[in-house]
Amino acid sequence: MINVQDKIQTKSYKSVHYRTPDNVVYAINNIQDDDVDTTVNIQDRIYHSISTMTEETMFNLPQIKGIDFKHISIHREKDDNHVVVLTNIGEIKKVNIYNWELNRPIDKTRIPDIIKNNKHKTMLEGTIYLVKKTKTGRYYCYDGMHRLSSFEGLNQKCKIIVDIMIDPTNGTIVDRFTVINQSISVPELYTNNMFEKDIKQTVLNVVDYYIKNYSTHFSPKKNYNVPNCNREIMINMITEMIKQDENRKSFNQEEWLMELKNREIRIKVLVTTTNKYKITKKQLEKCSSTGFYLFAIKQWNIEYL
């Protein structure tokens, strides 16, 4: 029986094949059925092999031309315009990586949880998806930017899998982004063509204003309790307000803040003078301590408020 670790270390492999972002699958292309113990899951064995590989082994293997950090090639297309590599956090931090222009801005409330959940790991789960523009030498991340933003708080030798497309068309990036995020709720603001770029930016600025000033009322979780909200959900709720009244398309940031402040005043009256929304004493105390009542009811964007 062939030892998978030996097969990698002696460079006698063609490649490790990678597919499906949500369910990482590895298979060494030139291992035949009779090469392995059928009682052992080949995918698990290969994953174990690369996750326990030493840096000396990783970085002594041939490097792909044009990739600006040390790595081991896991999979490459014939023209080398699409590669998947294994590296570590310390190496990938050596290059500047920018957020892709159509990607969501970083939700900083998610970073502490990512660090907490991965602080002691030696192999980071999932994949970082990058594009490299050879004309400028710049890298852009179209999926995984939150994990990239957490790297300062993680083990610098922690291994990470990075998928890199070199000089793809914007349409190719959009197609890949759509496939990767098919099970994730991406705010309609990013995908609906009815929203011009300046409208999108105004909405994002408004949401960021609230995050900056009322950070304790934002949760990284989708299932949150009042008086909290989630960044993506707030974006969606403001988007719904625009769809309900298209005159709001012309709102600037100050007009949005005034609109939402008026709603907050009405919500404060509702929750402090009636029991219609069944808000608890503890929830009211949080609103009182921060002076913020907008999220005291779940559907704060409804039109009759």
Protein backbone atom coordinates (compact mmCIF):
# COMPACT_ATOMS: atom_id res chain seq x y z
CA MET A 1 0.00 0.00 0.00
CA ILE A 2 1.34 3.43 -0.96
CA ASN A 3 1.78 5.94 1.85
CA VAL A 4 0.11 9.18 0.75
CA GLN A 5 2.53 11.31 2.77
CA ASP A 6 5.53 9.62 1.09
CA LYS A 7 3.88 10.08 -2.30
CA ILE A 8 3.65 13.85 -1.72
CA GLN A 9 7.09 14.23 -0.17
CA THR A 10 8.83 12.37 -3.02
CA LYS A 11 7.05 14.62 -5.56
CA SER A 12 5.76 11.55 -7.41
CA TYR A 13 2.27 12.96 -7.74
CA LYS A 14 0.63 14.68 -10.70
CA SER A 15 -1.52 17.00 -8.60
CA VAL A 16 -4.13 17.06 -5.92
CA HIS A 17 -7.52 17.77 -7.47
CA TYR A 18 -9.78 20.26 -5.71
CA ARG A 19 -13.46 20.98 -6.21
CA THR A 20 -16.64 22.15 -4.44
CA PRO A 21 -16.08 25.10 -2.09
CA ASP A 22 -18.60 24.00 0.54
CA ASN A 23 -17.40 20.40 0.77
CA VAL A 24 -13.63 20.35 0.30
CA VAL A 25 -12.65 17.27 -1.71
CA TYR A 26 -9.14 16.15 -2.47
CA ALA A 27 -8.00 13.25 -4.65
CA ILE A 28 -4.50 12.57 -5.90
CA ASN A 29 -5.05 12.01 -9.59
CA ASN A 30 -2.59 9.17 -10.15
CA ILE A 31 -3.50 7.01 -7.14
CA GLN A 32 -5.34 3.93 -8.35
CA ASP A 33 -7.88 1.91 -6.35
CA ASP A 34 -5.35 -0.84 -5.69
CA ASP A 35 -2.87 1.68 -4.29
CA VAL A 36 -4.86 2.39 -1.16
CA ASP A 37 -6.49 0.59 1.68
CA THR A 38 -10.17 0.63 0.75
CA THR A 39 -11.13 0.62 4.43
CA VAL A 40 -9.69 4.14 4.78
CA ASN A 41 -11.33 7.19 3.23
CA ILE A 42 -8.82 8.42 0.63
CA GLN A 43 -10.07 12.02 0.91
CA ASP A 44 -9.50 12.06 4.66
CA ARG A 45 -6.01 10.57 4.25
CA ILE A 46 -4.95 13.15 1.70
CA TYR A 47 -6.40 16.01 3.75
CA HIS A 48 -4.48 14.72 6.77
CA SER A 49 -1.30 14.49 4.69
CA ILE A 50 -1.33 18.10 3.53
CA SER A 51 -2.60 19.49 6.84
CA THR A 52 0.33 17.86 8.72
CA MET A 53 2.97 18.60 6.10
CA THR A 54 5.98 20.47 7.43
CA GLU A 55 6.95 23.89 6.08
CA GLU A 56 10.27 22.45 4.94
CA THR A 57 8.44 19.94 2.77
CA MET A 58 5.89 22.50 1.54
CA PHE A 59 8.30 25.21 0.52
CA ASN A 60 10.99 22.94 -0.98
CA LEU A 61 8.54 21.78 -3.62
CA PRO A 62 8.49 23.53 -7.04
CA GLN A 63 6.85 26.97 -6.94
CA ILE A 64 4.39 28.24 -9.54
CA LYS A 65 5.75 31.19 -11.49
CA GLY A 66 3.87 34.41 -10.76
CA ILE A 67 2.62 33.48 -7.28
CA ASP A 68 4.28 35.93 -4.89
CA PHE A 69 4.35 33.83 -1.71
CA LYS A 70 5.73 30.39 -0.89
CA HIS A 71 3.30 27.56 -1.50
CA ILE A 72 2.75 24.00 -2.63
CA SER A 73 0.72 23.44 -5.78
CA ILE A 74 -2.43 21.42 -5.14
CA HIS A 75 -4.13 21.82 -8.50
CA ARG A 76 -3.44 23.74 -11.68
CA GLU A 77 -5.10 24.12 -15.05
CA LYS A 78 -3.05 23.42 -18.20
CA ASP A 79 -2.34 27.11 -18.85
CA ASP A 80 -1.60 27.88 -15.18
CA ASN A 81 -4.26 30.62 -15.20
CA HIS A 82 -6.14 28.90 -12.39
CA VAL A 83 -4.25 27.30 -9.53
CA VAL A 84 -5.00 26.08 -6.03
CA VAL A 85 -2.14 26.19 -3.53
CA LEU A 86 -1.41 25.38 0.08
CA THR A 87 0.44 28.05 2.06
CA ASN A 88 0.37 29.51 5.56
CA ILE A 89 -0.94 32.74 7.05
CA GLY A 90 2.52 34.25 7.49
CA GLU A 91 3.31 33.77 3.80
CA ILE A 92 0.05 35.10 2.37
CA LYS A 93 0.39 38.21 4.55
CA LYS A 94 3.51 39.13 2.56
CA VAL A 95 1.33 40.33 -0.33
CA ASN A 96 -1.24 43.13 -0.32
CA ILE A 97 -4.72 41.79 -0.95
CA TYR A 98 -7.60 44.12 -1.80
CA ASN A 99 -11.33 43.53 -1.54
CA TRP A 100 -12.91 42.82 -4.94
CA GLU A 101 -14.97 45.83 -6.10
CA LEU A 102 -18.28 43.91 -6.16
CA ASN A 103 -17.64 42.16 -2.85
CA ARG A 104 -19.33 43.12 0.39
CA PRO A 105 -17.36 45.45 2.66
CA ILE A 106 -15.86 43.88 5.77
CA ASP A 107 -18.25 43.44 8.69
CA LYS A 108 -15.84 44.03 11.57
CA THR A 109 -18.29 42.56 14.10
CA ARG A 110 -17.54 39.09 12.64
CA ILE A 111 -13.76 39.21 13.10
CA PRO A 112 -13.59 38.43 16.87
CA ASP A 113 -15.64 35.24 16.44
CA ILE A 114 -13.46 34.09 13.53
CA ILE A 115 -10.32 34.61 15.61
CA LYS A 116 -11.86 32.87 18.64
CA ASN A 117 -12.91 29.83 16.59
CA ASN A 118 -9.57 29.45 14.77
CA LYS A 119 -6.96 30.77 17.21
CA HIS A 120 -5.40 27.39 17.99
CA LYS A 121 -5.86 25.65 14.65
CA THR A 122 -2.95 24.51 12.51
CA MET A 123 -5.09 24.25 9.33
CA LEU A 124 -7.78 26.82 8.54
CA GLU A 125 -11.01 25.37 7.19
CA GLY A 126 -12.32 26.50 3.83
CA THR A 127 -10.58 28.32 1.00
CA ILE A 128 -9.51 31.90 0.27
CA TYR A 129 -10.46 32.90 -3.28
CA LEU A 130 -8.16 35.38 -5.02
CA VAL A 131 -7.68 37.00 -8.40
CA LYS A 132 -4.29 38.25 -9.55
CA LYS A 133 -4.04 41.09 -12.07
CA THR A 134 -0.64 40.70 -13.70
CA LYS A 135 -0.68 44.22 -15.17
CA THR A 136 -0.64 45.79 -11.68
CA GLY A 137 0.63 42.80 -9.67
CA ARG A 138 -2.33 43.24 -7.33
CA TYR A 139 -4.36 40.48 -5.68
CA TYR A 140 -8.10 40.84 -5.08
CA CYS A 141 -10.17 38.64 -2.75
CA TYR A 142 -13.68 37.81 -3.95
CA ASP A 143 -14.46 35.33 -1.17
CA GLY A 144 -12.79 34.92 2.23
CA MET A 145 -12.03 38.57 3.05
CA HIS A 146 -13.31 38.20 6.61
CA ARG A 147 -10.88 35.35 7.25
CA LEU A 148 -8.07 37.38 5.69
CA SER A 149 -8.93 40.26 8.02
CA SER A 150 -8.61 37.94 11.04
CA PHE A 151 -5.07 36.75 10.20
CA GLU A 152 -3.34 39.14 12.63
CA GLY A 153 -4.96 37.27 15.51
CA LEU A 154 -4.19 33.75 14.28
CA ASN A 155 -1.21 31.40 14.31
CA GLN A 156 1.09 32.64 11.53
CA LYS A 157 2.11 29.05 10.68
CA CYS A 158 -1.52 27.98 10.30
CA LYS A 159 -1.98 26.42 6.84
CA ILE A 160 -4.57 27.76 4.42
CA ILE A 161 -5.75 26.71 0.96
CA VAL A 162 -5.84 29.53 -1.60
CA ASP A 163 -7.60 29.40 -4.98
CA ILE A 164 -6.07 31.88 -7.46
CA MET A 165 -7.35 32.90 -10.89
CA ILE A 166 -4.90 34.93 -12.97
CA ASP A 167 -6.34 37.69 -15.19
CA PRO A 168 -9.90 36.29 -15.43
CA THR A 169 -12.68 38.34 -16.99
CA ASN A 170 -15.06 40.09 -14.61
CA GLY A 171 -17.81 37.76 -15.83
CA THR A 172 -15.75 34.73 -14.80
CA ILE A 173 -15.27 36.17 -11.31
CA VAL A 174 -19.00 36.88 -10.99
CA ASP A 175 -19.83 33.31 -12.07
CA ARG A 176 -17.39 31.85 -9.52
CA PHE A 177 -18.64 34.18 -6.79
CA THR A 178 -22.24 33.14 -7.50
CA VAL A 179 -21.42 29.42 -7.27
CA ILE A 180 -19.44 29.81 -4.04
CA ASN A 181 -22.13 31.93 -2.38
CA GLN A 182 -25.17 30.05 -3.61
CA SER A 183 -26.08 28.99 -0.06
CA ILE A 184 -25.27 32.36 1.53
CA SER A 185 -27.74 35.24 1.72
CA VAL A 186 -26.08 38.02 -0.26
CA PRO A 187 -27.91 41.35 0.15
CA GLU A 188 -30.02 42.26 -2.88
CA LEU A 189 -28.33 45.66 -2.90
CA TYR A 190 -25.27 43.97 -4.49
CA THR A 191 -27.14 41.96 -7.11
CA ASN A 192 -30.13 44.07 -8.22
CA ASN A 193 -29.36 46.28 -11.24
CA MET A 194 -31.97 48.84 -10.17
CA PHE A 195 -29.46 50.19 -7.63
CA GLU A 196 -26.80 52.47 -9.04
CA LYS A 197 -23.32 52.50 -7.54
CA ASP A 198 -23.88 55.78 -5.67
CA ILE A 199 -27.11 54.44 -4.12
CA LYS A 200 -25.26 51.33 -2.94
CA GLN A 201 -22.48 53.40 -1.44
CA THR A 202 -24.93 55.67 0.38
CA VAL A 203 -26.69 52.68 1.93
CA LEU A 204 -23.37 51.14 2.99
CA ASN A 205 -22.27 54.46 4.51
CA VAL A 206 -25.51 54.65 6.50
CA VAL A 207 -25.10 51.10 7.81
CA ASP A 208 -21.46 51.73 8.68
CA TYR A 209 -22.51 54.87 10.59
CA TYR A 210 -24.78 52.78 12.80
CA ILE A 211 -22.16 50.07 13.27
CA LYS A 212 -19.62 52.70 14.35
CA ASN A 213 -21.96 54.48 16.76
CA TYR A 214 -24.04 51.54 18.05
CA SER A 215 -21.71 48.56 17.68
CA THR A 216 -23.21 46.70 20.69
CA HIS A 217 -26.50 46.45 18.78
CA PHE A 218 -24.96 44.49 15.89
CA SER A 219 -24.59 40.73 15.89
CA PRO A 220 -22.59 38.59 13.44
CA LYS A 221 -25.27 35.91 13.79
CA LYS A 222 -28.30 35.64 11.52
CA ASN A 223 -30.48 34.57 14.43
CA TYR A 224 -30.31 37.54 16.75
CA ASN A 225 -32.67 39.00 19.34
CA VAL A 226 -33.96 42.56 19.62
CA PRO A 227 -32.66 45.15 20.18
CA ASN A 228 -29.91 43.88 17.85
CA CYS A 229 -29.57 43.48 14.11
CA ASN A 230 -27.20 41.90 11.60
CA ARG A 231 -25.26 44.01 9.09
CA GLU A 232 -26.47 42.17 5.99
CA ILE A 233 -30.04 42.18 7.26
CA MET A 234 -29.94 45.93 7.89
CA ILE A 235 -28.71 46.41 4.31
CA ASN A 236 -31.59 44.26 3.05
CA MET A 237 -34.15 46.13 5.14
CA ILE A 238 -33.03 49.53 3.83
CA THR A 239 -33.08 48.03 0.33
CA GLU A 240 -36.71 47.02 0.89
CA MET A 241 -37.49 50.58 1.99
CA ILE A 242 -36.13 51.86 -1.35
CA LYS A 243 -38.24 49.34 -3.27
CA GLN A 244 -41.32 50.43 -1.31
CA ASP A 245 -40.73 54.07 -2.20
CA GLU A 246 -38.37 54.78 -5.10
CA ASN A 247 -38.17 58.44 -4.10
CA ARG A 248 -35.68 57.21 -1.51
CA LYS A 249 -33.24 56.43 -4.31
CA SER A 250 -32.27 60.09 -4.24
CA PHE A 251 -31.65 60.16 -0.48
CA ASN A 252 -28.18 61.19 0.61
CA GLN A 253 -26.67 59.95 3.87
CA GLU A 254 -28.07 62.81 5.96
CA GLU A 255 -31.60 62.22 4.62
CA TRP A 256 -31.35 58.52 5.41
CA LEU A 257 -30.17 59.24 8.95
CA MET A 258 -33.10 61.63 9.40
CA GLU A 259 -35.56 59.04 8.02
CA LEU A 260 -34.26 56.35 10.36
CA LYS A 261 -34.11 58.72 13.34
CA ASN A 262 -37.79 59.58 12.85
CA ARG A 263 -38.59 55.86 12.81
CA GLU A 264 -36.54 55.33 15.94
CA ILE A 265 -38.49 58.06 17.78
CA ARG A 266 -41.80 56.39 16.86
CA ILE A 267 -40.45 52.97 17.88
CA LYS A 268 -39.30 54.33 21.24
CA VAL A 269 -42.80 55.63 21.93
CA LEU A 270 -44.33 52.27 20.94
CA VAL A 271 -42.09 50.09 23.09
CA THR A 272 -42.09 52.36 26.15
CA THR A 273 -45.82 53.13 26.26
CA THR A 274 -47.38 49.87 24.98
CA ASN A 275 -46.76 46.16 25.29
CA LYS A 276 -47.60 45.47 21.64
CA TYR A 277 -44.14 44.15 20.76
CA LYS A 278 -43.54 42.30 24.05
CA ILE A 279 -40.05 43.70 24.54
CA THR A 280 -38.53 42.57 27.84
CA LYS A 281 -37.32 44.77 30.68
CA LYS A 282 -33.71 43.71 29.98
CA GLN A 283 -34.03 44.60 26.29
CA LEU A 284 -35.48 48.01 27.16
CA GLU A 285 -32.66 48.61 29.60
CA LYS A 286 -30.12 48.01 26.84
CA CYS A 287 -31.88 50.54 24.61
CA SER A 288 -32.00 53.03 27.45
CA SER A 289 -28.31 52.59 28.28
CA THR A 290 -27.19 53.18 24.69
CA GLY A 291 -29.90 55.68 23.80
CA PHE A 292 -30.74 53.62 20.70
CA TYR A 293 -34.22 52.17 20.01
CA LEU A 294 -34.33 51.54 16.23
CA PHE A 295 -33.83 47.78 16.58
CA ALA A 296 -36.25 47.43 19.50
CA ILE A 297 -38.68 45.80 17.08
CA LYS A 298 -37.62 43.23 14.52
CA GLN A 299 -39.41 44.77 11.53
CA TRP A 300 -38.29 48.36 12.07
CA ASN A 301 -38.48 49.09 8.32
CA ILE A 302 -42.23 48.50 7.92
CA GLU A 303 -44.04 51.32 6.17
CA TYR A 304 -46.69 52.17 8.75
CA LEU A 305 -44.16 53.18 11.38
